[in-house]
Amino acid sequence: MEALYSDNQIFIPIISDYGFKATFGNEANTLFLRRALQALIKSDIPIKEVKFDKNTFEGITQDGRSGIFDLACTDEKDNHFIVEMQYGDAPYFVQRMKFYALHKFNAMVKRGKFDYGTLTKIYCVAILANNILPYDDFHTLANLRNEKAELFDEQMTFVTVELDKFTLPELDCKTDLQKLIFTMKTIHTHTFTNPIQFPKFWDEDWLKVAIDELDSRKMTPDEKASLEILIARNAESVKAESRKIKEAIDIKNIETVTKALLKGIDIQTVADIADVSLDFVLSVQRRLSAI
């Protein structure tokens, strides 16, 4: 899914860094965030208020780097929400979600001054442009469950949205969740200017708050220039991350092919085992011959 902004677009993509911060991270008006979170966790209980938290875990990873997510907040009942947007490849995103949620859990359990019975809920929300889960549904709620799929504990909930799996047309979007995901996936593709042509549910107050923030026609030239620079940087970051993932996969494939060749397995079988091309196997074979 392409999320880059161009001059002929009226609306900034929500799934861009700028768009996400302008909508989900709008501290001046949290109506969109509150309704979006309520929809994402599939709750019938309105979220009355949210308080934004610091969104970095300073230097707790093994290599000293920080784990960073896009948004963290708590509601009026002190339930915790962690939200991250990912518009590049994310092969280990589930592990990253666990890292965030478990760190938040540990932070809640204050040493010497805690009661497990008073722990509030943690919702770790991941919104991804691409697919990572082996399910057909675009929206997944996950809790700790037993071997019969019965709920074991609901204090920690993982919420995953995969935008690429959402195919519902505008007229079939009835729930807040469907309206939210439709808007997130398609808003930057709308090039018409007449409001009559917009989806009717865009007139709902919570979505209108977000859409107004994404309307590029309301931006000054300086704001547009800053937006374009920011999105260009994000695009480079995505490309760099994709290169790292490809390099990691190549290294793993080279190791697999090398071991198979050293065992005397024929190159076609090696290619089938490693799920790579014959040319890839031959290139590794040539490297081994040169040693």
Protein backbone atom coordinates (compact mmCIF):
# COMPACT_ATOMS: atom_id res chain seq x y z
CA MET A 1 0.00 0.00 0.00
CA GLU A 2 1.41 3.37 -1.05
CA ALA A 3 0.93 6.09 1.54
CA LEU A 4 3.01 8.93 0.13
CA TYR A 5 1.52 12.37 -0.32
CA SER A 6 1.54 14.08 -3.72
CA ASP A 7 0.38 17.48 -4.94
CA ASN A 8 -2.82 16.14 -6.54
CA GLN A 9 -4.05 14.66 -3.25
CA ILE A 10 -6.54 16.61 -1.20
CA PHE A 11 -6.17 14.60 1.98
CA ILE A 12 -2.99 13.58 3.76
CA PRO A 13 -2.78 9.82 4.43
CA ILE A 14 -3.66 8.92 8.02
CA ILE A 15 -1.07 6.16 7.84
CA SER A 16 1.71 8.67 7.20
CA ASP A 17 3.61 9.90 10.25
CA TYR A 18 2.15 13.39 9.82
CA GLY A 19 -1.39 12.09 9.35
CA PHE A 20 -1.24 9.78 12.35
CA LYS A 21 0.00 12.51 14.67
CA ALA A 22 -2.58 14.99 13.37
CA THR A 23 -5.47 12.59 14.01
CA PHE A 24 -4.70 9.99 16.66
CA GLY A 25 -2.20 12.30 18.34
CA ASN A 26 -4.38 15.41 18.33
CA GLU A 27 -4.09 16.57 21.93
CA ALA A 28 -6.27 19.65 21.34
CA ASN A 29 -9.29 17.53 20.43
CA THR A 30 -9.30 13.85 21.43
CA LEU A 31 -12.78 12.97 20.14
CA PHE A 32 -11.44 11.04 17.14
CA LEU A 33 -8.87 9.17 19.24
CA ARG A 34 -11.45 8.20 21.88
CA ARG A 35 -14.00 6.90 19.36
CA ALA A 36 -11.29 5.17 17.33
CA LEU A 37 -9.91 3.37 20.39
CA GLN A 38 -13.41 2.36 21.47
CA ALA A 39 -14.00 0.90 17.99
CA LEU A 40 -10.62 -0.84 17.83
CA ILE A 41 -11.13 -2.66 21.15
CA LYS A 42 -14.79 -3.34 20.28
CA SER A 43 -16.16 -1.80 23.46
CA ASP A 44 -19.72 -0.59 23.97
CA ILE A 45 -18.58 1.74 26.74
CA PRO A 46 -17.58 5.25 25.58
CA ILE A 47 -14.12 6.51 26.51
CA LYS A 48 -14.77 9.85 28.16
CA GLU A 49 -11.25 11.22 28.28
CA VAL A 50 -7.65 10.31 27.51
CA LYS A 51 -4.33 11.51 28.85
CA PHE A 52 -1.25 11.23 26.64
CA ASP A 53 1.80 9.48 28.09
CA LYS A 54 5.46 9.48 27.24
CA ASN A 55 5.94 7.10 24.31
CA THR A 56 9.51 5.81 24.62
CA PHE A 57 11.10 3.11 26.72
CA GLU A 58 14.50 4.60 27.38
CA GLY A 59 17.47 2.30 26.83
CA ILE A 60 15.93 -0.96 28.01
CA THR A 61 16.76 -3.07 24.97
CA GLN A 62 19.92 -5.15 25.02
CA ASP A 63 21.79 -2.90 22.61
CA GLY A 64 20.82 0.24 24.53
CA ARG A 65 18.42 1.56 21.90
CA SER A 66 14.91 2.64 22.85
CA GLY A 67 11.77 0.80 21.86
CA ILE A 68 9.49 3.43 20.35
CA PHE A 69 5.79 3.35 19.59
CA ASP A 70 3.66 6.07 18.07
CA LEU A 71 1.20 6.87 20.83
CA ALA A 72 0.52 5.98 24.46
CA CYS A 73 -2.38 7.17 26.57
CA THR A 74 -4.62 6.25 29.48
CA ASP A 75 -8.37 6.70 29.83
CA GLU A 76 -10.40 7.92 32.80
CA LYS A 77 -10.35 4.41 34.30
CA ASP A 78 -6.55 4.28 34.03
CA ASN A 79 -6.68 1.67 31.26
CA HIS A 80 -3.54 1.88 29.13
CA PHE A 81 -3.45 2.13 25.34
CA ILE A 82 -0.36 1.69 23.19
CA VAL A 83 -0.82 2.38 19.49
CA GLU A 84 1.67 1.89 16.69
CA MET A 85 1.38 2.44 12.96
CA GLN A 86 3.51 0.36 10.57
CA TYR A 87 3.43 1.00 6.83
CA GLY A 88 6.47 -1.07 5.87
CA ASP A 89 7.21 -4.78 6.20
CA ALA A 90 6.95 -6.04 9.79
CA PRO A 91 7.92 -9.72 10.11
CA TYR A 92 8.47 -9.51 13.89
CA PHE A 93 5.71 -7.08 14.76
CA VAL A 94 3.93 -9.45 17.15
CA GLN A 95 7.11 -9.75 19.20
CA ARG A 96 7.40 -5.97 19.27
CA MET A 97 3.81 -5.68 20.53
CA LYS A 98 4.59 -8.12 23.33
CA PHE A 99 7.68 -6.11 24.22
CA TYR A 100 5.66 -2.90 24.58
CA ALA A 101 2.78 -4.48 26.49
CA LEU A 102 4.96 -6.45 28.90
CA HIS A 103 7.12 -3.44 29.65
CA LYS A 104 3.97 -1.44 30.41
CA PHE A 105 2.78 -4.30 32.64
CA ASN A 106 6.08 -4.34 34.55
CA ALA A 107 5.92 -0.58 34.98
CA MET A 108 2.45 -0.90 36.49
CA VAL A 109 3.61 -3.40 39.09
CA LYS A 110 5.48 -1.04 41.38
CA ARG A 111 8.08 -2.80 43.48
CA GLY A 112 6.86 -3.27 47.06
CA LYS A 113 3.68 -1.23 46.48
CA PHE A 114 1.24 -3.14 44.32
CA ASP A 115 -1.83 -5.30 44.36
CA TYR A 116 -2.37 -7.60 41.38
CA GLY A 117 -6.10 -7.25 41.87
CA THR A 118 -5.97 -3.52 41.12
CA LEU A 119 -4.10 -3.76 37.82
CA THR A 120 -5.94 -1.98 35.02
CA LYS A 121 -6.15 -3.18 31.44
CA ILE A 122 -3.51 -2.80 28.75
CA TYR A 123 -4.49 -2.57 25.09
CA CYS A 124 -1.66 -2.86 22.58
CA VAL A 125 -2.93 -1.74 19.19
CA ALA A 126 -1.07 -2.30 15.92
CA ILE A 127 -2.27 -0.79 12.65
CA LEU A 128 -0.41 -2.20 9.66
CA ALA A 129 -0.60 -1.41 5.97
CA ASN A 130 0.57 -4.91 5.07
CA ASN A 131 -0.37 -8.39 6.30
CA ILE A 132 1.42 -10.31 9.06
CA LEU A 133 -1.16 -12.77 10.42
CA PRO A 134 -2.40 -16.02 8.80
CA TYR A 135 -6.06 -15.01 9.14
CA ASP A 136 -8.56 -13.60 6.66
CA ASP A 137 -10.04 -11.03 9.06
CA PHE A 138 -8.65 -7.51 8.90
CA HIS A 139 -9.20 -7.00 12.66
CA THR A 140 -7.88 -9.36 15.33
CA LEU A 141 -8.37 -9.25 19.10
CA ALA A 142 -6.11 -11.56 21.11
CA ASN A 143 -6.09 -12.44 24.81
CA LEU A 144 -4.48 -15.18 26.89
CA ARG A 145 -6.58 -18.33 26.32
CA ASN A 146 -6.44 -22.04 27.17
CA GLU A 147 -6.27 -25.01 24.78
CA LYS A 148 -10.06 -24.82 24.29
CA ALA A 149 -9.84 -21.17 23.26
CA GLU A 150 -11.55 -20.18 26.52
CA LEU A 151 -10.57 -16.85 28.03
CA PHE A 152 -7.79 -17.30 30.62
CA ASP A 153 -7.06 -13.63 31.29
CA GLU A 154 -8.17 -10.34 29.70
CA GLN A 155 -5.98 -7.87 31.53
CA MET A 156 -3.78 -7.61 28.44
CA THR A 157 -5.32 -7.39 24.96
CA PHE A 158 -3.52 -7.28 21.61
CA VAL A 159 -5.38 -5.58 18.76
CA THR A 160 -4.16 -5.92 15.19
CA VAL A 161 -5.55 -4.20 12.10
CA GLU A 162 -4.23 -5.17 8.67
CA LEU A 163 -5.45 -2.54 6.22
CA ASP A 164 -4.61 -4.58 3.13
CA LYS A 165 -7.24 -7.18 4.14
CA PHE A 166 -10.05 -4.64 4.38
CA THR A 167 -12.17 -4.74 1.20
CA LEU A 168 -15.57 -3.55 2.38
CA PRO A 169 -17.13 -0.92 0.07
CA GLU A 170 -18.33 2.40 1.44
CA LEU A 171 -22.06 1.55 1.45
CA ASP A 172 -21.45 -1.59 3.54
CA CYS A 173 -19.56 0.23 6.29
CA LYS A 174 -22.00 0.32 9.21
CA THR A 175 -19.95 0.03 12.41
CA ASP A 176 -17.50 2.60 13.75
CA LEU A 177 -14.67 0.12 13.19
CA GLN A 178 -15.59 -0.35 9.53
CA LYS A 179 -15.94 3.42 9.00
CA LEU A 180 -12.58 4.01 10.70
CA ILE A 181 -10.68 1.45 8.63
CA PHE A 182 -12.36 2.51 5.38
CA THR A 183 -11.31 6.10 6.09
CA MET A 184 -7.77 5.14 7.04
CA LYS A 185 -7.31 3.05 3.92
CA THR A 186 -8.95 5.29 1.33
CA ILE A 187 -8.94 8.93 2.41
CA HIS A 188 -5.75 9.80 0.54
CA THR A 189 -7.18 8.33 -2.69
CA HIS A 190 -10.07 10.82 -2.84
CA THR A 191 -9.37 13.54 -5.40
CA PHE A 192 -12.82 15.12 -5.69
CA THR A 193 -13.54 18.39 -3.93
CA ASN A 194 -17.33 18.42 -3.64
CA PRO A 195 -18.33 17.27 -0.12
CA ILE A 196 -21.45 15.66 -1.63
CA GLN A 197 -19.13 13.05 -3.14
CA PHE A 198 -17.58 12.14 0.20
CA PRO A 199 -18.80 9.11 2.16
CA LYS A 200 -21.87 10.15 4.15
CA PHE A 201 -20.39 8.93 7.42
CA TRP A 202 -17.58 11.48 7.07
CA ASP A 203 -20.12 13.97 8.41
CA GLU A 204 -20.09 12.22 11.79
CA ASP A 205 -18.45 14.55 14.30
CA TRP A 206 -15.63 12.21 15.36
CA LEU A 207 -14.50 11.50 11.79
CA LYS A 208 -14.93 15.13 10.75
CA VAL A 209 -12.43 16.16 13.44
CA ALA A 210 -9.79 13.93 11.86
CA ILE A 211 -10.64 14.70 8.24
CA ASP A 212 -10.37 18.45 8.81
CA GLU A 213 -6.83 17.91 10.12
CA LEU A 214 -5.95 15.97 6.97
CA ASP A 215 -7.30 18.49 4.46
CA SER A 216 -4.23 19.83 2.64
CA ARG A 217 -6.24 22.77 1.29
CA LYS A 218 -6.23 24.26 4.78
CA MET A 219 -2.44 24.11 5.09
CA THR A 220 -0.10 27.05 4.53
CA PRO A 221 2.69 26.69 1.92
CA ASP A 222 5.24 26.32 4.74
CA GLU A 223 3.14 23.57 6.36
CA LYS A 224 2.91 21.75 3.03
CA ALA A 225 6.66 22.00 2.53
CA SER A 226 7.29 20.61 6.00
CA LEU A 227 4.83 17.80 5.33
CA GLU A 228 6.54 16.81 2.08
CA ILE A 229 9.96 16.76 3.76
CA LEU A 230 8.64 14.62 6.60
CA ILE A 231 6.92 12.12 4.30
CA ALA A 232 10.05 11.89 2.12
CA ARG A 233 12.08 11.04 5.20
CA ASN A 234 9.55 8.41 6.20
CA ALA A 235 9.72 6.88 2.73
CA GLU A 236 13.50 6.60 3.01
CA SER A 237 13.14 4.99 6.43
CA VAL A 238 10.72 2.41 5.05
CA LYS A 239 13.07 1.63 2.17
CA ALA A 240 16.01 1.29 4.56
CA GLU A 241 14.02 -1.05 6.82
CA SER A 242 12.98 -3.14 3.81
CA ARG A 243 16.61 -3.42 2.74
CA LYS A 244 17.58 -4.62 6.21
CA ILE A 245 14.86 -7.27 6.15
CA LYS A 246 15.91 -8.42 2.66
CA GLU A 247 19.54 -8.61 3.73
CA ALA A 248 18.63 -10.66 6.80
CA ILE A 249 16.60 -13.06 4.63
CA ASP A 250 19.47 -13.34 2.13
CA ILE A 251 21.94 -14.17 4.90
CA LYS A 252 19.65 -16.90 6.21
CA ASN A 253 19.16 -18.32 2.71
CA ILE A 254 22.90 -18.30 2.06
CA GLU A 255 23.48 -20.28 5.25
CA THR A 256 20.81 -22.82 4.31
CA VAL A 257 22.09 -23.24 0.76
CA THR A 258 25.72 -23.49 1.90
CA LYS A 259 24.95 -26.28 4.39
CA ALA A 260 22.97 -28.20 1.77
CA LEU A 261 25.67 -27.88 -0.89
CA LEU A 262 28.38 -29.00 1.53
CA LYS A 263 26.31 -32.14 2.15
CA GLY A 264 26.41 -32.89 -1.58
CA ILE A 265 22.74 -32.26 -2.29
CA ASP A 266 22.02 -31.45 -5.95
CA ILE A 267 21.36 -27.82 -6.77
CA GLN A 268 17.71 -28.25 -7.82
CA THR A 269 16.87 -29.94 -4.51
CA VAL A 270 18.79 -27.23 -2.65
CA ALA A 271 16.77 -24.56 -4.44
CA ASP A 272 13.53 -26.33 -3.49
CA ILE A 273 14.58 -26.75 0.15
CA ALA A 274 15.61 -23.10 0.57
CA ASP A 275 12.78 -21.80 -1.65
CA VAL A 276 15.24 -19.80 -3.77
CA SER A 277 16.08 -19.66 -7.46
CA LEU A 278 18.64 -21.85 -9.20
CA ASP A 279 20.68 -18.74 -9.95
CA PHE A 280 20.85 -17.99 -6.22
CA VAL A 281 22.12 -21.52 -5.50
CA LEU A 282 24.68 -21.29 -8.32
CA SER A 283 25.96 -17.97 -6.99
CA VAL A 284 26.52 -19.53 -3.55
CA GLN A 285 28.16 -22.53 -5.20
CA ARG A 286 30.58 -20.25 -7.04
CA ARG A 287 31.49 -18.52 -3.77
CA LEU A 288 32.25 -21.87 -2.16
CA SER A 289 34.40 -22.89 -5.13
CA ALA A 290 36.40 -19.67 -4.83
CA ILE A 291 37.28 -20.31 -1.19
